N, C-alpha and C. Protein backbone atom coordinates (compact mmCIF):
# COMPACT_ATOMS: atom_id res chain seq x y z
N UNK A 1 -11.77 131.20 136.34
CA UNK A 1 -10.47 132.16 137.07
C UNK A 1 -9.89 131.96 137.96
N UNK A 2 -9.99 130.90 138.53
CA UNK A 2 -8.34 130.44 139.25
C UNK A 2 -7.85 129.74 138.67
N UNK A 3 -8.01 129.35 137.67
CA UNK A 3 -6.83 128.67 136.31
C UNK A 3 -6.21 129.61 136.54
N UNK A 4 -6.43 131.08 136.01
CA UNK A 4 -5.73 131.99 135.37
C UNK A 4 -4.90 132.56 136.55
N UNK A 5 -5.29 132.36 137.83
CA UNK A 5 -4.62 133.28 139.00
C UNK A 5 -3.45 132.01 139.36
N UNK A 6 -3.80 130.67 139.47
CA UNK A 6 -2.77 129.56 139.45
C UNK A 6 -1.54 129.66 138.49
N UNK A 7 -1.85 130.14 137.02
CA UNK A 7 -0.87 130.15 135.68
C UNK A 7 -0.24 131.56 136.02
N UNK A 8 -0.79 132.50 136.51
CA UNK A 8 -0.18 133.72 136.76
C UNK A 8 0.60 133.49 137.95
N UNK A 9 0.50 132.74 138.94
CA UNK A 9 1.42 132.77 139.71
C UNK A 9 2.51 131.79 139.53
N UNK A 10 2.48 130.88 139.10
CA UNK A 10 3.48 130.02 138.54
C UNK A 10 4.47 130.70 137.54
N UNK A 11 3.73 131.58 136.46
CA UNK A 11 4.70 132.49 135.63
C UNK A 11 5.60 133.24 136.52
N UNK A 12 5.25 134.34 137.64
CA UNK A 12 5.75 134.88 138.44
C UNK A 12 6.86 134.29 138.94
N UNK A 13 6.72 132.76 139.64
CA UNK A 13 7.64 132.33 140.26
C UNK A 13 8.71 131.86 139.41
N UNK A 14 8.30 131.29 138.18
CA UNK A 14 9.38 130.80 136.96
C UNK A 14 10.11 132.37 136.91
N UNK A 15 9.85 133.19 136.45
CA UNK A 15 10.41 134.24 135.69
C UNK A 15 11.21 134.98 137.28
N UNK A 16 10.66 134.56 138.54
CA UNK A 16 12.01 134.96 139.71
C UNK A 16 12.66 134.07 139.67
N UNK A 17 12.65 132.58 139.27
CA UNK A 17 13.89 131.98 139.79
C UNK A 17 14.59 132.23 138.66
N UNK A 18 14.18 132.31 137.09
CA UNK A 18 15.10 132.76 136.32
C UNK A 18 15.65 133.93 136.42
N UNK A 19 15.44 135.15 137.01
CA UNK A 19 15.64 136.25 137.24
C UNK A 19 16.53 135.99 138.34
N UNK A 20 16.42 135.63 139.12
CA UNK A 20 17.31 135.26 140.37
C UNK A 20 18.97 134.51 140.14
N UNK A 21 18.99 133.50 138.64
CA UNK A 21 19.75 132.84 138.17
C UNK A 21 20.60 133.65 137.41
N UNK A 22 20.27 134.56 137.14
CA UNK A 22 20.76 135.42 135.91
C UNK A 22 21.35 136.50 136.81
N UNK A 23 20.90 137.08 137.65
CA UNK A 23 21.84 138.33 138.28
C UNK A 23 22.58 137.29 139.33
N UNK A 24 22.26 136.45 139.83
CA UNK A 24 23.51 135.73 140.68
C UNK A 24 24.83 135.82 139.72
N UNK A 25 24.75 135.24 138.79
CA UNK A 25 25.86 135.27 137.82
C UNK A 25 26.80 136.36 137.44
N UNK A 26 26.01 137.37 137.18
CA UNK A 26 26.40 138.82 136.97
C UNK A 26 27.51 139.36 137.85
N UNK A 27 28.67 139.71 137.76
CA UNK A 27 29.77 140.35 138.20
C UNK A 27 29.87 141.68 137.98
N UNK A 28 29.59 142.34 139.24
CA UNK A 28 29.48 143.91 138.91
C UNK A 28 30.73 143.89 139.79
N UNK A 29 31.08 145.50 139.18
CA UNK A 29 32.61 146.26 139.40
C UNK A 29 32.62 146.67 141.31
N UNK A 30 33.56 145.95 141.79
CA UNK A 30 33.78 145.88 142.86
C UNK A 30 34.25 147.69 143.11
N UNK A 31 33.78 148.32 143.76
CA UNK A 31 34.10 149.78 144.79
C UNK A 31 35.62 149.67 144.88
N UNK A 32 35.83 148.74 145.63
CA UNK A 32 37.51 148.77 146.17
C UNK A 32 38.66 148.52 144.87
N UNK A 33 37.78 147.98 143.61
CA UNK A 33 39.11 147.68 142.62
C UNK A 33 39.04 148.89 141.95
N UNK A 34 37.68 149.71 141.87
CA UNK A 34 38.07 151.46 141.44
C UNK A 34 38.83 152.14 142.18
N UNK A 35 39.23 151.78 143.60
CA UNK A 35 40.36 152.51 144.19
C UNK A 35 41.69 151.68 144.83
N UNK A 36 41.73 150.81 143.37
CA UNK A 36 43.21 150.15 143.54
C UNK A 36 43.55 149.57 144.46
N UNK A 37 42.48 148.85 145.57
CA UNK A 37 43.05 147.86 146.41
C UNK A 37 42.56 146.72 145.61
N UNK A 38 43.70 145.54 146.07
CA UNK A 38 43.68 144.46 145.57
C UNK A 38 42.90 143.38 146.71
N UNK A 39 41.98 142.51 145.93
CA UNK A 39 41.27 141.32 146.59
C UNK A 39 42.31 140.20 146.78
N UNK A 40 42.48 139.38 147.74
CA UNK A 40 43.18 138.37 147.74
C UNK A 40 42.02 137.39 147.51
N UNK A 41 42.40 136.11 146.64
CA UNK A 41 41.55 135.13 146.59
C UNK A 41 41.01 134.36 148.04
N UNK A 42 39.59 133.92 147.84
CA UNK A 42 39.22 133.15 148.78
C UNK A 42 40.13 131.65 148.49
N UNK A 43 40.10 130.82 149.37
CA UNK A 43 40.25 129.33 149.26
C UNK A 43 39.30 128.49 149.45
N UNK A 44 38.30 128.86 149.92
CA UNK A 44 36.83 128.42 149.80
C UNK A 44 36.15 128.66 148.42
N UNK A 45 35.47 127.54 147.63
CA UNK A 45 34.94 127.31 146.70
C UNK A 45 33.73 126.16 146.43
N UNK A 46 32.83 126.50 145.82
CA UNK A 46 31.76 125.32 145.57
C UNK A 46 32.19 124.65 144.56
N UNK A 47 32.72 124.87 143.82
CA UNK A 47 33.25 123.93 142.54
C UNK A 47 34.94 123.61 142.47
N UNK A 48 34.80 122.22 142.51
CA UNK A 48 36.15 121.87 142.47
C UNK A 48 36.77 122.49 141.02
N UNK A 49 36.48 122.63 140.27
CA UNK A 49 37.19 123.05 139.03
C UNK A 49 37.39 124.48 139.30
N UNK A 50 36.53 125.00 139.59
CA UNK A 50 36.77 126.86 140.04
C UNK A 50 38.12 126.98 140.74
N UNK A 51 38.50 126.05 141.24
CA UNK A 51 39.95 126.37 142.24
C UNK A 51 41.07 127.26 141.43
N UNK A 52 41.67 127.87 141.46
CA UNK A 52 42.48 128.98 140.95
C UNK A 52 43.86 128.79 141.67
N UNK A 53 44.87 129.09 140.79
CA UNK A 53 46.72 128.94 141.39
C UNK A 53 46.55 130.37 141.96
N UNK A 54 47.55 130.62 142.88
CA UNK A 54 47.79 131.44 143.43
C UNK A 54 48.56 132.51 142.43
N UNK A 55 48.90 132.02 141.15
CA UNK A 55 49.21 133.07 140.23
C UNK A 55 48.52 133.65 139.27
N UNK A 56 46.77 133.32 139.77
CA UNK A 56 46.10 134.18 138.54
C UNK A 56 45.71 135.71 139.02
N UNK A 57 45.19 136.10 138.55
CA UNK A 57 44.98 137.79 138.51
C UNK A 57 43.69 137.29 139.77
N UNK A 58 44.48 138.30 140.97
CA UNK A 58 43.54 138.56 141.64
C UNK A 58 42.76 140.19 142.27
N UNK A 59 43.25 140.84 141.18
CA UNK A 59 42.50 142.40 141.19
C UNK A 59 43.20 143.19 139.55
N UNK A 60 42.88 144.32 139.92
CA UNK A 60 43.45 145.13 138.82
C UNK A 60 44.04 146.62 139.35
N UNK A 61 44.92 147.23 138.55
CA UNK A 61 45.35 148.36 139.07
C UNK A 61 45.35 149.32 137.87
N UNK A 62 44.58 150.64 138.11
CA UNK A 62 44.73 151.49 137.40
C UNK A 62 45.92 152.38 137.28
N UNK A 63 46.24 151.89 136.03
CA UNK A 63 48.01 152.81 135.68
C UNK A 63 47.78 154.12 134.85
N UNK A 64 48.11 155.17 135.14
CA UNK A 64 47.89 156.25 134.21
C UNK A 64 49.46 156.79 133.35
N UNK A 65 49.20 156.45 132.12
CA UNK A 65 50.59 156.37 131.39
C UNK A 65 50.48 158.12 130.56
N UNK A 66 51.30 158.53 129.64
CA UNK A 66 51.64 159.63 129.16
C UNK A 66 50.96 159.27 127.63
N UNK A 67 50.23 160.00 126.84
CA UNK A 67 50.18 160.12 125.53
C UNK A 67 50.77 161.23 125.56
N UNK A 68 52.24 161.29 124.66
CA UNK A 68 52.94 162.62 124.52
C UNK A 68 52.68 163.36 123.62
N UNK A 69 51.84 162.49 122.46
CA UNK A 69 50.94 163.43 121.25
C UNK A 69 49.97 164.26 121.71
N UNK A 70 49.17 163.73 122.44
CA UNK A 70 47.62 164.41 122.91
C UNK A 70 48.20 165.16 124.17
N UNK A 71 49.25 164.85 125.03
CA UNK A 71 49.84 165.60 125.88
C UNK A 71 48.57 165.79 127.24
N UNK A 72 48.19 164.26 127.67
CA UNK A 72 47.55 164.10 128.45
C UNK A 72 47.82 162.93 129.25
N UNK A 73 47.28 162.22 130.01
CA UNK A 73 47.21 160.94 131.03
C UNK A 73 46.17 160.08 130.30
N UNK A 74 46.80 158.84 129.97
CA UNK A 74 45.61 157.72 129.92
C UNK A 74 45.48 156.65 130.52
N UNK A 75 44.20 156.39 131.06
CA UNK A 75 43.92 155.37 132.02
C UNK A 75 44.22 154.13 131.45
N UNK A 76 44.85 153.40 132.17
CA UNK A 76 45.05 151.72 131.65
C UNK A 76 44.74 151.15 132.98
N UNK A 77 43.94 149.52 132.56
CA UNK A 77 43.68 149.04 133.95
C UNK A 77 44.54 147.42 133.57
N UNK A 78 45.53 147.27 134.43
CA UNK A 78 46.43 146.45 134.24
C UNK A 78 46.10 145.31 135.54
N UNK A 79 45.80 143.82 135.23
CA UNK A 79 45.58 142.88 136.22
C UNK A 79 46.80 142.96 136.71
N UNK A 80 46.49 142.37 137.99
CA UNK A 80 47.76 142.00 139.09
C UNK A 80 47.74 140.85 139.80
N UNK A 81 48.41 139.93 139.89
CA UNK A 81 48.32 138.63 140.23
C UNK A 81 49.05 138.32 141.47
N UNK A 82 49.16 137.69 142.22
CA UNK A 82 49.81 137.31 143.59
C UNK A 82 51.63 137.07 143.10
N UNK A 83 52.29 136.34 141.95
CA UNK A 83 53.04 136.54 141.42
C UNK A 83 53.60 137.92 141.07
N UNK A 84 52.78 138.91 140.91
CA UNK A 84 53.48 140.07 140.78
C UNK A 84 53.37 140.92 142.04
N UNK A 85 53.06 140.12 143.10
CA UNK A 85 53.31 141.06 144.27
C UNK A 85 54.29 140.63 144.89
N UNK A 86 55.73 140.88 144.89
CA UNK A 86 56.61 140.04 145.37
C UNK A 86 56.71 140.61 146.83
N UNK A 87 57.89 140.62 147.44
CA UNK A 87 57.79 141.10 148.80
C UNK A 87 57.63 142.51 149.18
N UNK A 88 57.78 143.25 147.97
CA UNK A 88 57.64 144.96 148.07
C UNK A 88 56.51 144.89 147.25
N UNK A 89 54.90 145.52 147.62
CA UNK A 89 53.96 145.78 146.91
C UNK A 89 54.45 146.93 146.32
N UNK A 90 54.57 147.79 146.66
CA UNK A 90 54.77 149.01 146.24
C UNK A 90 56.13 149.09 144.59
N UNK A 91 57.02 148.52 145.04
CA UNK A 91 57.95 148.44 143.75
C UNK A 91 57.53 147.18 142.90
N UNK A 92 56.20 146.42 142.82
CA UNK A 92 55.90 145.80 141.93
C UNK A 92 55.20 146.79 141.26
N UNK A 93 54.31 147.65 142.00
CA UNK A 93 53.47 148.54 141.25
C UNK A 93 54.14 149.74 140.38
N UNK A 94 55.22 149.85 140.89
CA UNK A 94 56.00 150.79 140.28
C UNK A 94 56.29 150.61 138.78
N UNK A 95 56.85 148.95 139.05
CA UNK A 95 57.42 148.37 137.76
C UNK A 95 56.84 148.36 136.58
N UNK A 96 55.19 148.43 137.32
CA UNK A 96 54.16 148.51 135.87
C UNK A 96 54.08 149.91 135.46
N UNK A 97 54.70 150.69 135.98
CA UNK A 97 54.56 151.99 135.43
C UNK A 97 55.67 151.82 134.01
N UNK A 98 56.44 151.02 134.33
CA UNK A 98 58.38 150.65 133.71
C UNK A 98 57.64 150.05 131.98
N UNK A 99 56.77 149.43 132.30
CA UNK A 99 56.02 148.11 131.29
C UNK A 99 55.38 149.69 129.83
N UNK A 100 55.90 148.89 128.68
CA UNK A 100 55.48 149.46 127.83
C UNK A 100 53.78 149.18 127.29
N UNK A 101 53.26 150.24 126.57
CA UNK A 101 51.66 150.03 126.35
C UNK A 101 51.12 151.05 125.42
N UNK A 102 50.73 150.29 124.05
CA UNK A 102 49.95 151.16 123.33
C UNK A 102 50.54 152.52 122.89
N UNK A 103 51.72 152.20 122.69
CA UNK A 103 52.54 153.52 121.89
C UNK A 103 52.33 154.75 123.57
N UNK A 104 52.22 154.24 124.17
CA UNK A 104 52.30 155.81 125.50
C UNK A 104 53.82 155.22 126.20
N UNK A 105 53.97 156.59 126.57
CA UNK A 105 55.16 156.80 127.18
C UNK A 105 54.98 156.65 128.88
N UNK A 106 56.11 155.47 129.05
CA UNK A 106 55.97 155.25 130.36
C UNK A 106 56.86 156.23 131.89
N UNK A 107 56.05 156.44 132.60
CA UNK A 107 56.77 157.72 133.10
C UNK A 107 57.95 157.22 134.16
N UNK A 108 58.16 155.81 134.27
CA UNK A 108 59.55 155.49 134.80
C UNK A 108 60.24 154.67 133.16
N UNK A 109 61.17 155.14 132.82
CA UNK A 109 61.71 154.62 131.53
C UNK A 109 62.37 153.54 131.98
N UNK A 110 62.13 152.20 131.18
CA UNK A 110 62.56 151.20 131.08
C UNK A 110 63.75 150.78 131.68
N UNK A 111 65.16 151.89 131.51
CA UNK A 111 66.20 151.45 131.47
C UNK A 111 66.44 152.36 133.30
N UNK A 112 65.63 152.76 134.17
CA UNK A 112 65.56 153.20 135.04
C UNK A 112 65.21 152.24 135.88
N UNK A 113 66.10 152.00 137.26
CA UNK A 113 66.02 151.84 138.02
C UNK A 113 65.26 151.82 139.42
N UNK A 114 64.40 150.78 139.85
CA UNK A 114 63.42 151.42 141.06
C UNK A 114 64.40 150.31 142.24
N UNK A 115 65.07 151.72 143.20
CA UNK A 115 65.99 151.34 144.37
C UNK A 115 65.25 151.09 145.49
N UNK A 116 63.99 151.87 145.40
CA UNK A 116 63.34 151.42 146.72
C UNK A 116 61.79 151.94 146.81
N UNK A 117 60.90 151.47 147.58
CA UNK A 117 59.77 152.15 147.89
C UNK A 117 59.30 151.49 148.71
N UNK A 118 59.11 152.34 149.80
CA UNK A 118 58.42 151.70 151.11
C UNK A 118 57.55 153.10 151.62
N UNK A 119 56.26 152.97 152.27
CA UNK A 119 55.23 153.28 153.18
C UNK A 119 55.89 154.14 154.19
N UNK A 120 55.51 155.19 154.39
CA UNK A 120 55.97 155.69 155.72
C UNK A 120 54.96 156.89 156.31
N UNK A 121 53.64 156.52 157.07
CA UNK A 121 52.81 156.84 157.64
C UNK A 121 51.56 156.56 156.20
N UNK A 122 51.26 157.76 155.75
CA UNK A 122 50.48 157.82 154.09
C UNK A 122 51.51 158.61 153.47
N UNK A 123 52.67 158.24 153.04
CA UNK A 123 53.75 159.27 152.24
C UNK A 123 54.30 157.63 151.64
N UNK A 124 54.43 157.38 150.40
CA UNK A 124 55.04 156.90 149.61
C UNK A 124 56.48 157.14 149.27
N UNK A 125 57.74 156.83 149.62
CA UNK A 125 58.65 157.21 149.27
C UNK A 125 59.43 156.46 148.47
N UNK A 126 59.75 156.81 147.34
CA UNK A 126 60.25 156.12 146.26
C UNK A 126 61.85 156.47 146.01
N UNK A 127 62.69 156.07 145.35
CA UNK A 127 64.14 156.05 145.32
C UNK A 127 64.03 155.49 144.01
N UNK A 128 64.72 156.48 143.34
CA UNK A 128 64.84 156.15 141.86
C UNK A 128 66.41 156.04 141.21
N UNK A 129 66.53 155.69 140.17
CA UNK A 129 68.18 155.94 139.79
C UNK A 129 68.31 156.52 139.05
N UNK A 130 69.34 157.29 138.57
CA UNK A 130 69.45 159.12 137.85
C UNK A 130 69.03 158.51 136.59
N UNK A 131 68.56 157.49 135.63
CA UNK A 131 67.93 157.65 134.71
C UNK A 131 66.62 158.49 134.72
N UNK A 132 65.75 158.38 135.70
CA UNK A 132 64.54 159.22 135.68
C UNK A 132 64.69 160.27 135.36
N UNK A 133 65.24 161.24 136.01
CA UNK A 133 65.83 162.28 135.86
C UNK A 133 66.45 163.30 134.46
N UNK A 134 66.94 161.93 133.62
CA UNK A 134 67.80 162.12 132.49
C UNK A 134 66.58 161.55 131.20
N UNK A 135 65.36 161.26 131.67
CA UNK A 135 64.70 161.50 130.46
C UNK A 135 64.22 162.97 129.71
N UNK A 136 63.57 162.59 128.76
CA UNK A 136 63.02 164.18 127.83
C UNK A 136 61.79 164.54 128.52
N UNK A 137 61.78 165.83 129.03
CA UNK A 137 60.82 165.72 129.62
C UNK A 137 60.62 167.52 129.15
N UNK A 138 60.80 167.78 127.97
CA UNK A 138 60.62 169.18 127.09
C UNK A 138 59.03 169.43 127.10
N UNK A 139 58.72 170.79 126.94
CA UNK A 139 57.15 171.11 126.50
C UNK A 139 55.70 170.43 127.21
N UNK A 140 56.49 170.35 128.92
CA UNK A 140 55.16 170.01 129.74
C UNK A 140 55.43 168.60 130.05
N UNK A 141 56.06 167.89 129.20
CA UNK A 141 56.34 166.26 129.81
C UNK A 141 56.48 166.03 131.25
N UNK A 142 57.19 166.68 131.68
CA UNK A 142 57.97 166.73 133.54
C UNK A 142 56.74 166.48 134.20
N UNK A 143 55.61 167.51 134.02
CA UNK A 143 54.50 167.67 135.15
C UNK A 143 53.18 166.20 134.40
N UNK A 144 53.57 165.92 133.18
CA UNK A 144 52.61 164.54 133.30
C UNK A 144 53.03 163.53 133.66
N UNK A 145 54.60 163.14 133.53
CA UNK A 145 55.09 162.30 133.89
C UNK A 145 54.89 162.53 135.68
N UNK A 146 55.04 163.18 136.36
CA UNK A 146 54.93 163.39 137.81
C UNK A 146 53.66 163.09 137.93
N UNK A 147 52.53 163.65 137.32
CA UNK A 147 51.09 163.57 137.58
C UNK A 147 50.75 161.71 137.00
N UNK A 148 51.25 161.30 136.33
CA UNK A 148 51.35 160.15 135.67
C UNK A 148 51.39 159.20 137.48
N UNK A 149 52.84 159.09 137.38
CA UNK A 149 53.18 158.38 139.12
C UNK A 149 52.27 158.71 140.09
N UNK A 150 51.89 160.09 140.18
CA UNK A 150 51.30 160.62 141.38
C UNK A 150 49.54 159.95 141.41
N UNK A 151 49.22 159.73 140.31
CA UNK A 151 47.73 159.43 139.62
C UNK A 151 47.92 157.79 140.21
N UNK A 152 48.58 157.40 139.55
CA UNK A 152 48.38 155.67 139.57
C UNK A 152 48.66 155.43 141.06
N UNK A 153 49.47 156.03 142.17
CA UNK A 153 50.14 155.56 143.17
C UNK A 153 49.40 156.16 144.56
N UNK A 154 48.71 157.51 144.29
CA UNK A 154 47.51 157.77 145.27
C UNK A 154 46.25 157.25 145.16
N UNK A 155 45.98 156.38 144.09
CA UNK A 155 44.44 156.09 144.06
C UNK A 155 44.59 154.13 145.27
N UNK A 156 45.60 154.05 145.67
CA UNK A 156 45.79 153.19 147.00
C UNK A 156 45.30 153.63 148.02
N UNK A 157 44.20 153.09 148.69
CA UNK A 157 43.84 153.94 149.70
C UNK A 157 44.72 154.48 151.09
N UNK A 158 46.11 153.51 150.91
CA UNK A 158 46.98 153.93 152.32
C UNK A 158 47.68 154.92 151.47
N UNK A 159 48.01 155.36 150.41
CA UNK A 159 48.70 156.50 149.98
C UNK A 159 47.99 158.05 150.03
N UNK A 160 48.78 158.79 150.30
CA UNK A 160 47.99 159.94 149.88
C UNK A 160 48.88 161.15 149.46
N UNK A 161 50.57 160.74 149.66
CA UNK A 161 51.40 161.63 149.12
C UNK A 161 52.93 160.85 148.67
N UNK A 162 53.40 161.24 147.62
CA UNK A 162 54.59 160.64 147.14
C UNK A 162 55.50 161.52 147.04
N UNK A 163 57.02 160.88 147.60
CA UNK A 163 58.27 161.40 147.65
C UNK A 163 59.02 160.71 146.78
N UNK A 164 59.89 161.41 145.68
CA UNK A 164 60.54 160.87 145.21
C UNK A 164 62.04 161.22 145.06
N UNK A 165 62.67 160.82 145.69
CA UNK A 165 63.98 160.89 145.50
C UNK A 165 65.16 160.19 144.33
N UNK A 166 66.39 160.92 144.08
CA UNK A 166 67.05 160.22 142.99
C UNK A 166 68.44 159.56 143.58
N UNK A 167 68.17 158.28 143.91
CA UNK A 167 69.81 157.86 144.22
C UNK A 167 69.90 158.61 145.50
N UNK A 168 69.08 158.18 146.66
CA UNK A 168 68.93 158.91 147.93
C UNK A 168 69.26 160.55 147.79
N UNK A 169 68.92 160.89 146.87
CA UNK A 169 69.29 162.56 146.55
C UNK A 169 67.70 163.01 146.84
N UNK A 170 67.68 163.90 147.51
CA UNK A 170 66.74 164.64 147.96
C UNK A 170 66.02 165.85 147.12
N UNK A 171 67.22 166.30 146.97
CA UNK A 171 67.64 167.68 145.97
C UNK A 171 67.36 167.65 144.08
N UNK A 172 67.23 166.71 143.46
CA UNK A 172 67.40 166.53 142.21
C UNK A 172 65.86 167.18 141.54
N UNK A 173 66.17 167.33 140.16
CA UNK A 173 65.01 168.51 139.45
C UNK A 173 64.14 167.22 138.50
N UNK A 174 63.30 167.48 137.96
CA UNK A 174 62.54 166.84 136.75
C UNK A 174 62.18 167.73 136.34
N UNK A 175 62.97 168.22 134.83
CA UNK A 175 62.12 169.40 134.15
C UNK A 175 62.51 170.84 135.22
N UNK A 176 60.83 171.36 135.36
CA UNK A 176 61.17 172.56 136.18
C UNK A 176 60.14 172.33 137.48
N UNK A 177 60.48 170.97 138.21
CA UNK A 177 59.97 170.56 139.47
C UNK A 177 60.88 169.90 139.98
N UNK A 178 61.21 170.74 141.33
CA UNK A 178 62.33 170.15 142.48
C UNK A 178 61.57 168.90 143.07
N UNK A 179 62.41 167.72 143.12
CA UNK A 179 61.98 166.80 143.73
C UNK A 179 62.01 166.63 145.32
N UNK A 180 62.23 168.26 145.59
CA UNK A 180 62.44 168.34 147.33
C UNK A 180 61.21 168.34 147.69
N UNK A 181 59.78 168.74 146.74
CA UNK A 181 58.89 168.68 146.93
C UNK A 181 58.09 167.37 147.07
N UNK A 182 56.77 166.88 147.66
CA UNK A 182 56.06 166.02 148.03
C UNK A 182 54.97 166.21 146.98
N UNK A 183 54.03 165.14 146.28
CA UNK A 183 53.21 165.09 145.87
C UNK A 183 52.04 164.88 145.84
N UNK A 184 50.67 165.22 145.81
CA UNK A 184 49.45 164.59 146.08
C UNK A 184 48.66 164.81 145.06
N UNK A 185 47.42 164.21 144.98
CA UNK A 185 46.36 164.26 144.17
C UNK A 185 46.19 165.46 143.27
N UNK A 186 46.26 166.51 144.03
CA UNK A 186 46.05 167.89 143.76
C UNK A 186 46.78 168.89 143.75
N UNK A 187 48.22 167.98 143.63
CA UNK A 187 49.36 168.69 142.73
C UNK A 187 49.66 169.42 141.67
N UNK A 188 48.53 168.61 140.82
CA UNK A 188 48.89 169.07 139.36
C UNK A 188 47.29 169.55 138.68
N UNK A 189 46.58 169.57 139.36
CA UNK A 189 45.56 170.34 139.04
C UNK A 189 45.36 171.97 138.50
């Protein structure tokens, strides 16, 4: 009876050690990543071979692009690296909305210039070139384009509202939407 008890204890201990190593090597989804926050890498590492240069991926950004055929937004996770985040983080993130992907419509056309983007309180103020309002926006694309930008950028913890200007003008229109308005997550529901 003692041998069975000792063997059982040994087997349980071995199983516990195996489970410990399995679960400590699994990477779970970080809640901050779901909110588009960016985690900066630690300079401390246990393994000298595991040191990553600064240009390696440091996080992901959920970008919402327009599926013009299905008339809906499509969420796409994009990797962000330190080299992508130059002097103005918001400009870099907006440039991600101008990159083509999987036959989806970019809310910011490739020929549109992002003139500025800065946070004032919890309002992200964006200034775009004239090409933004010259893009095709018939049949409800105007709503999807604006919703794409707002959905992407309001997932950042510090951004609650988006204000879009066109070459410093606050009175422009994108289809039926006046850009004198500010937009939040709930603007398009």
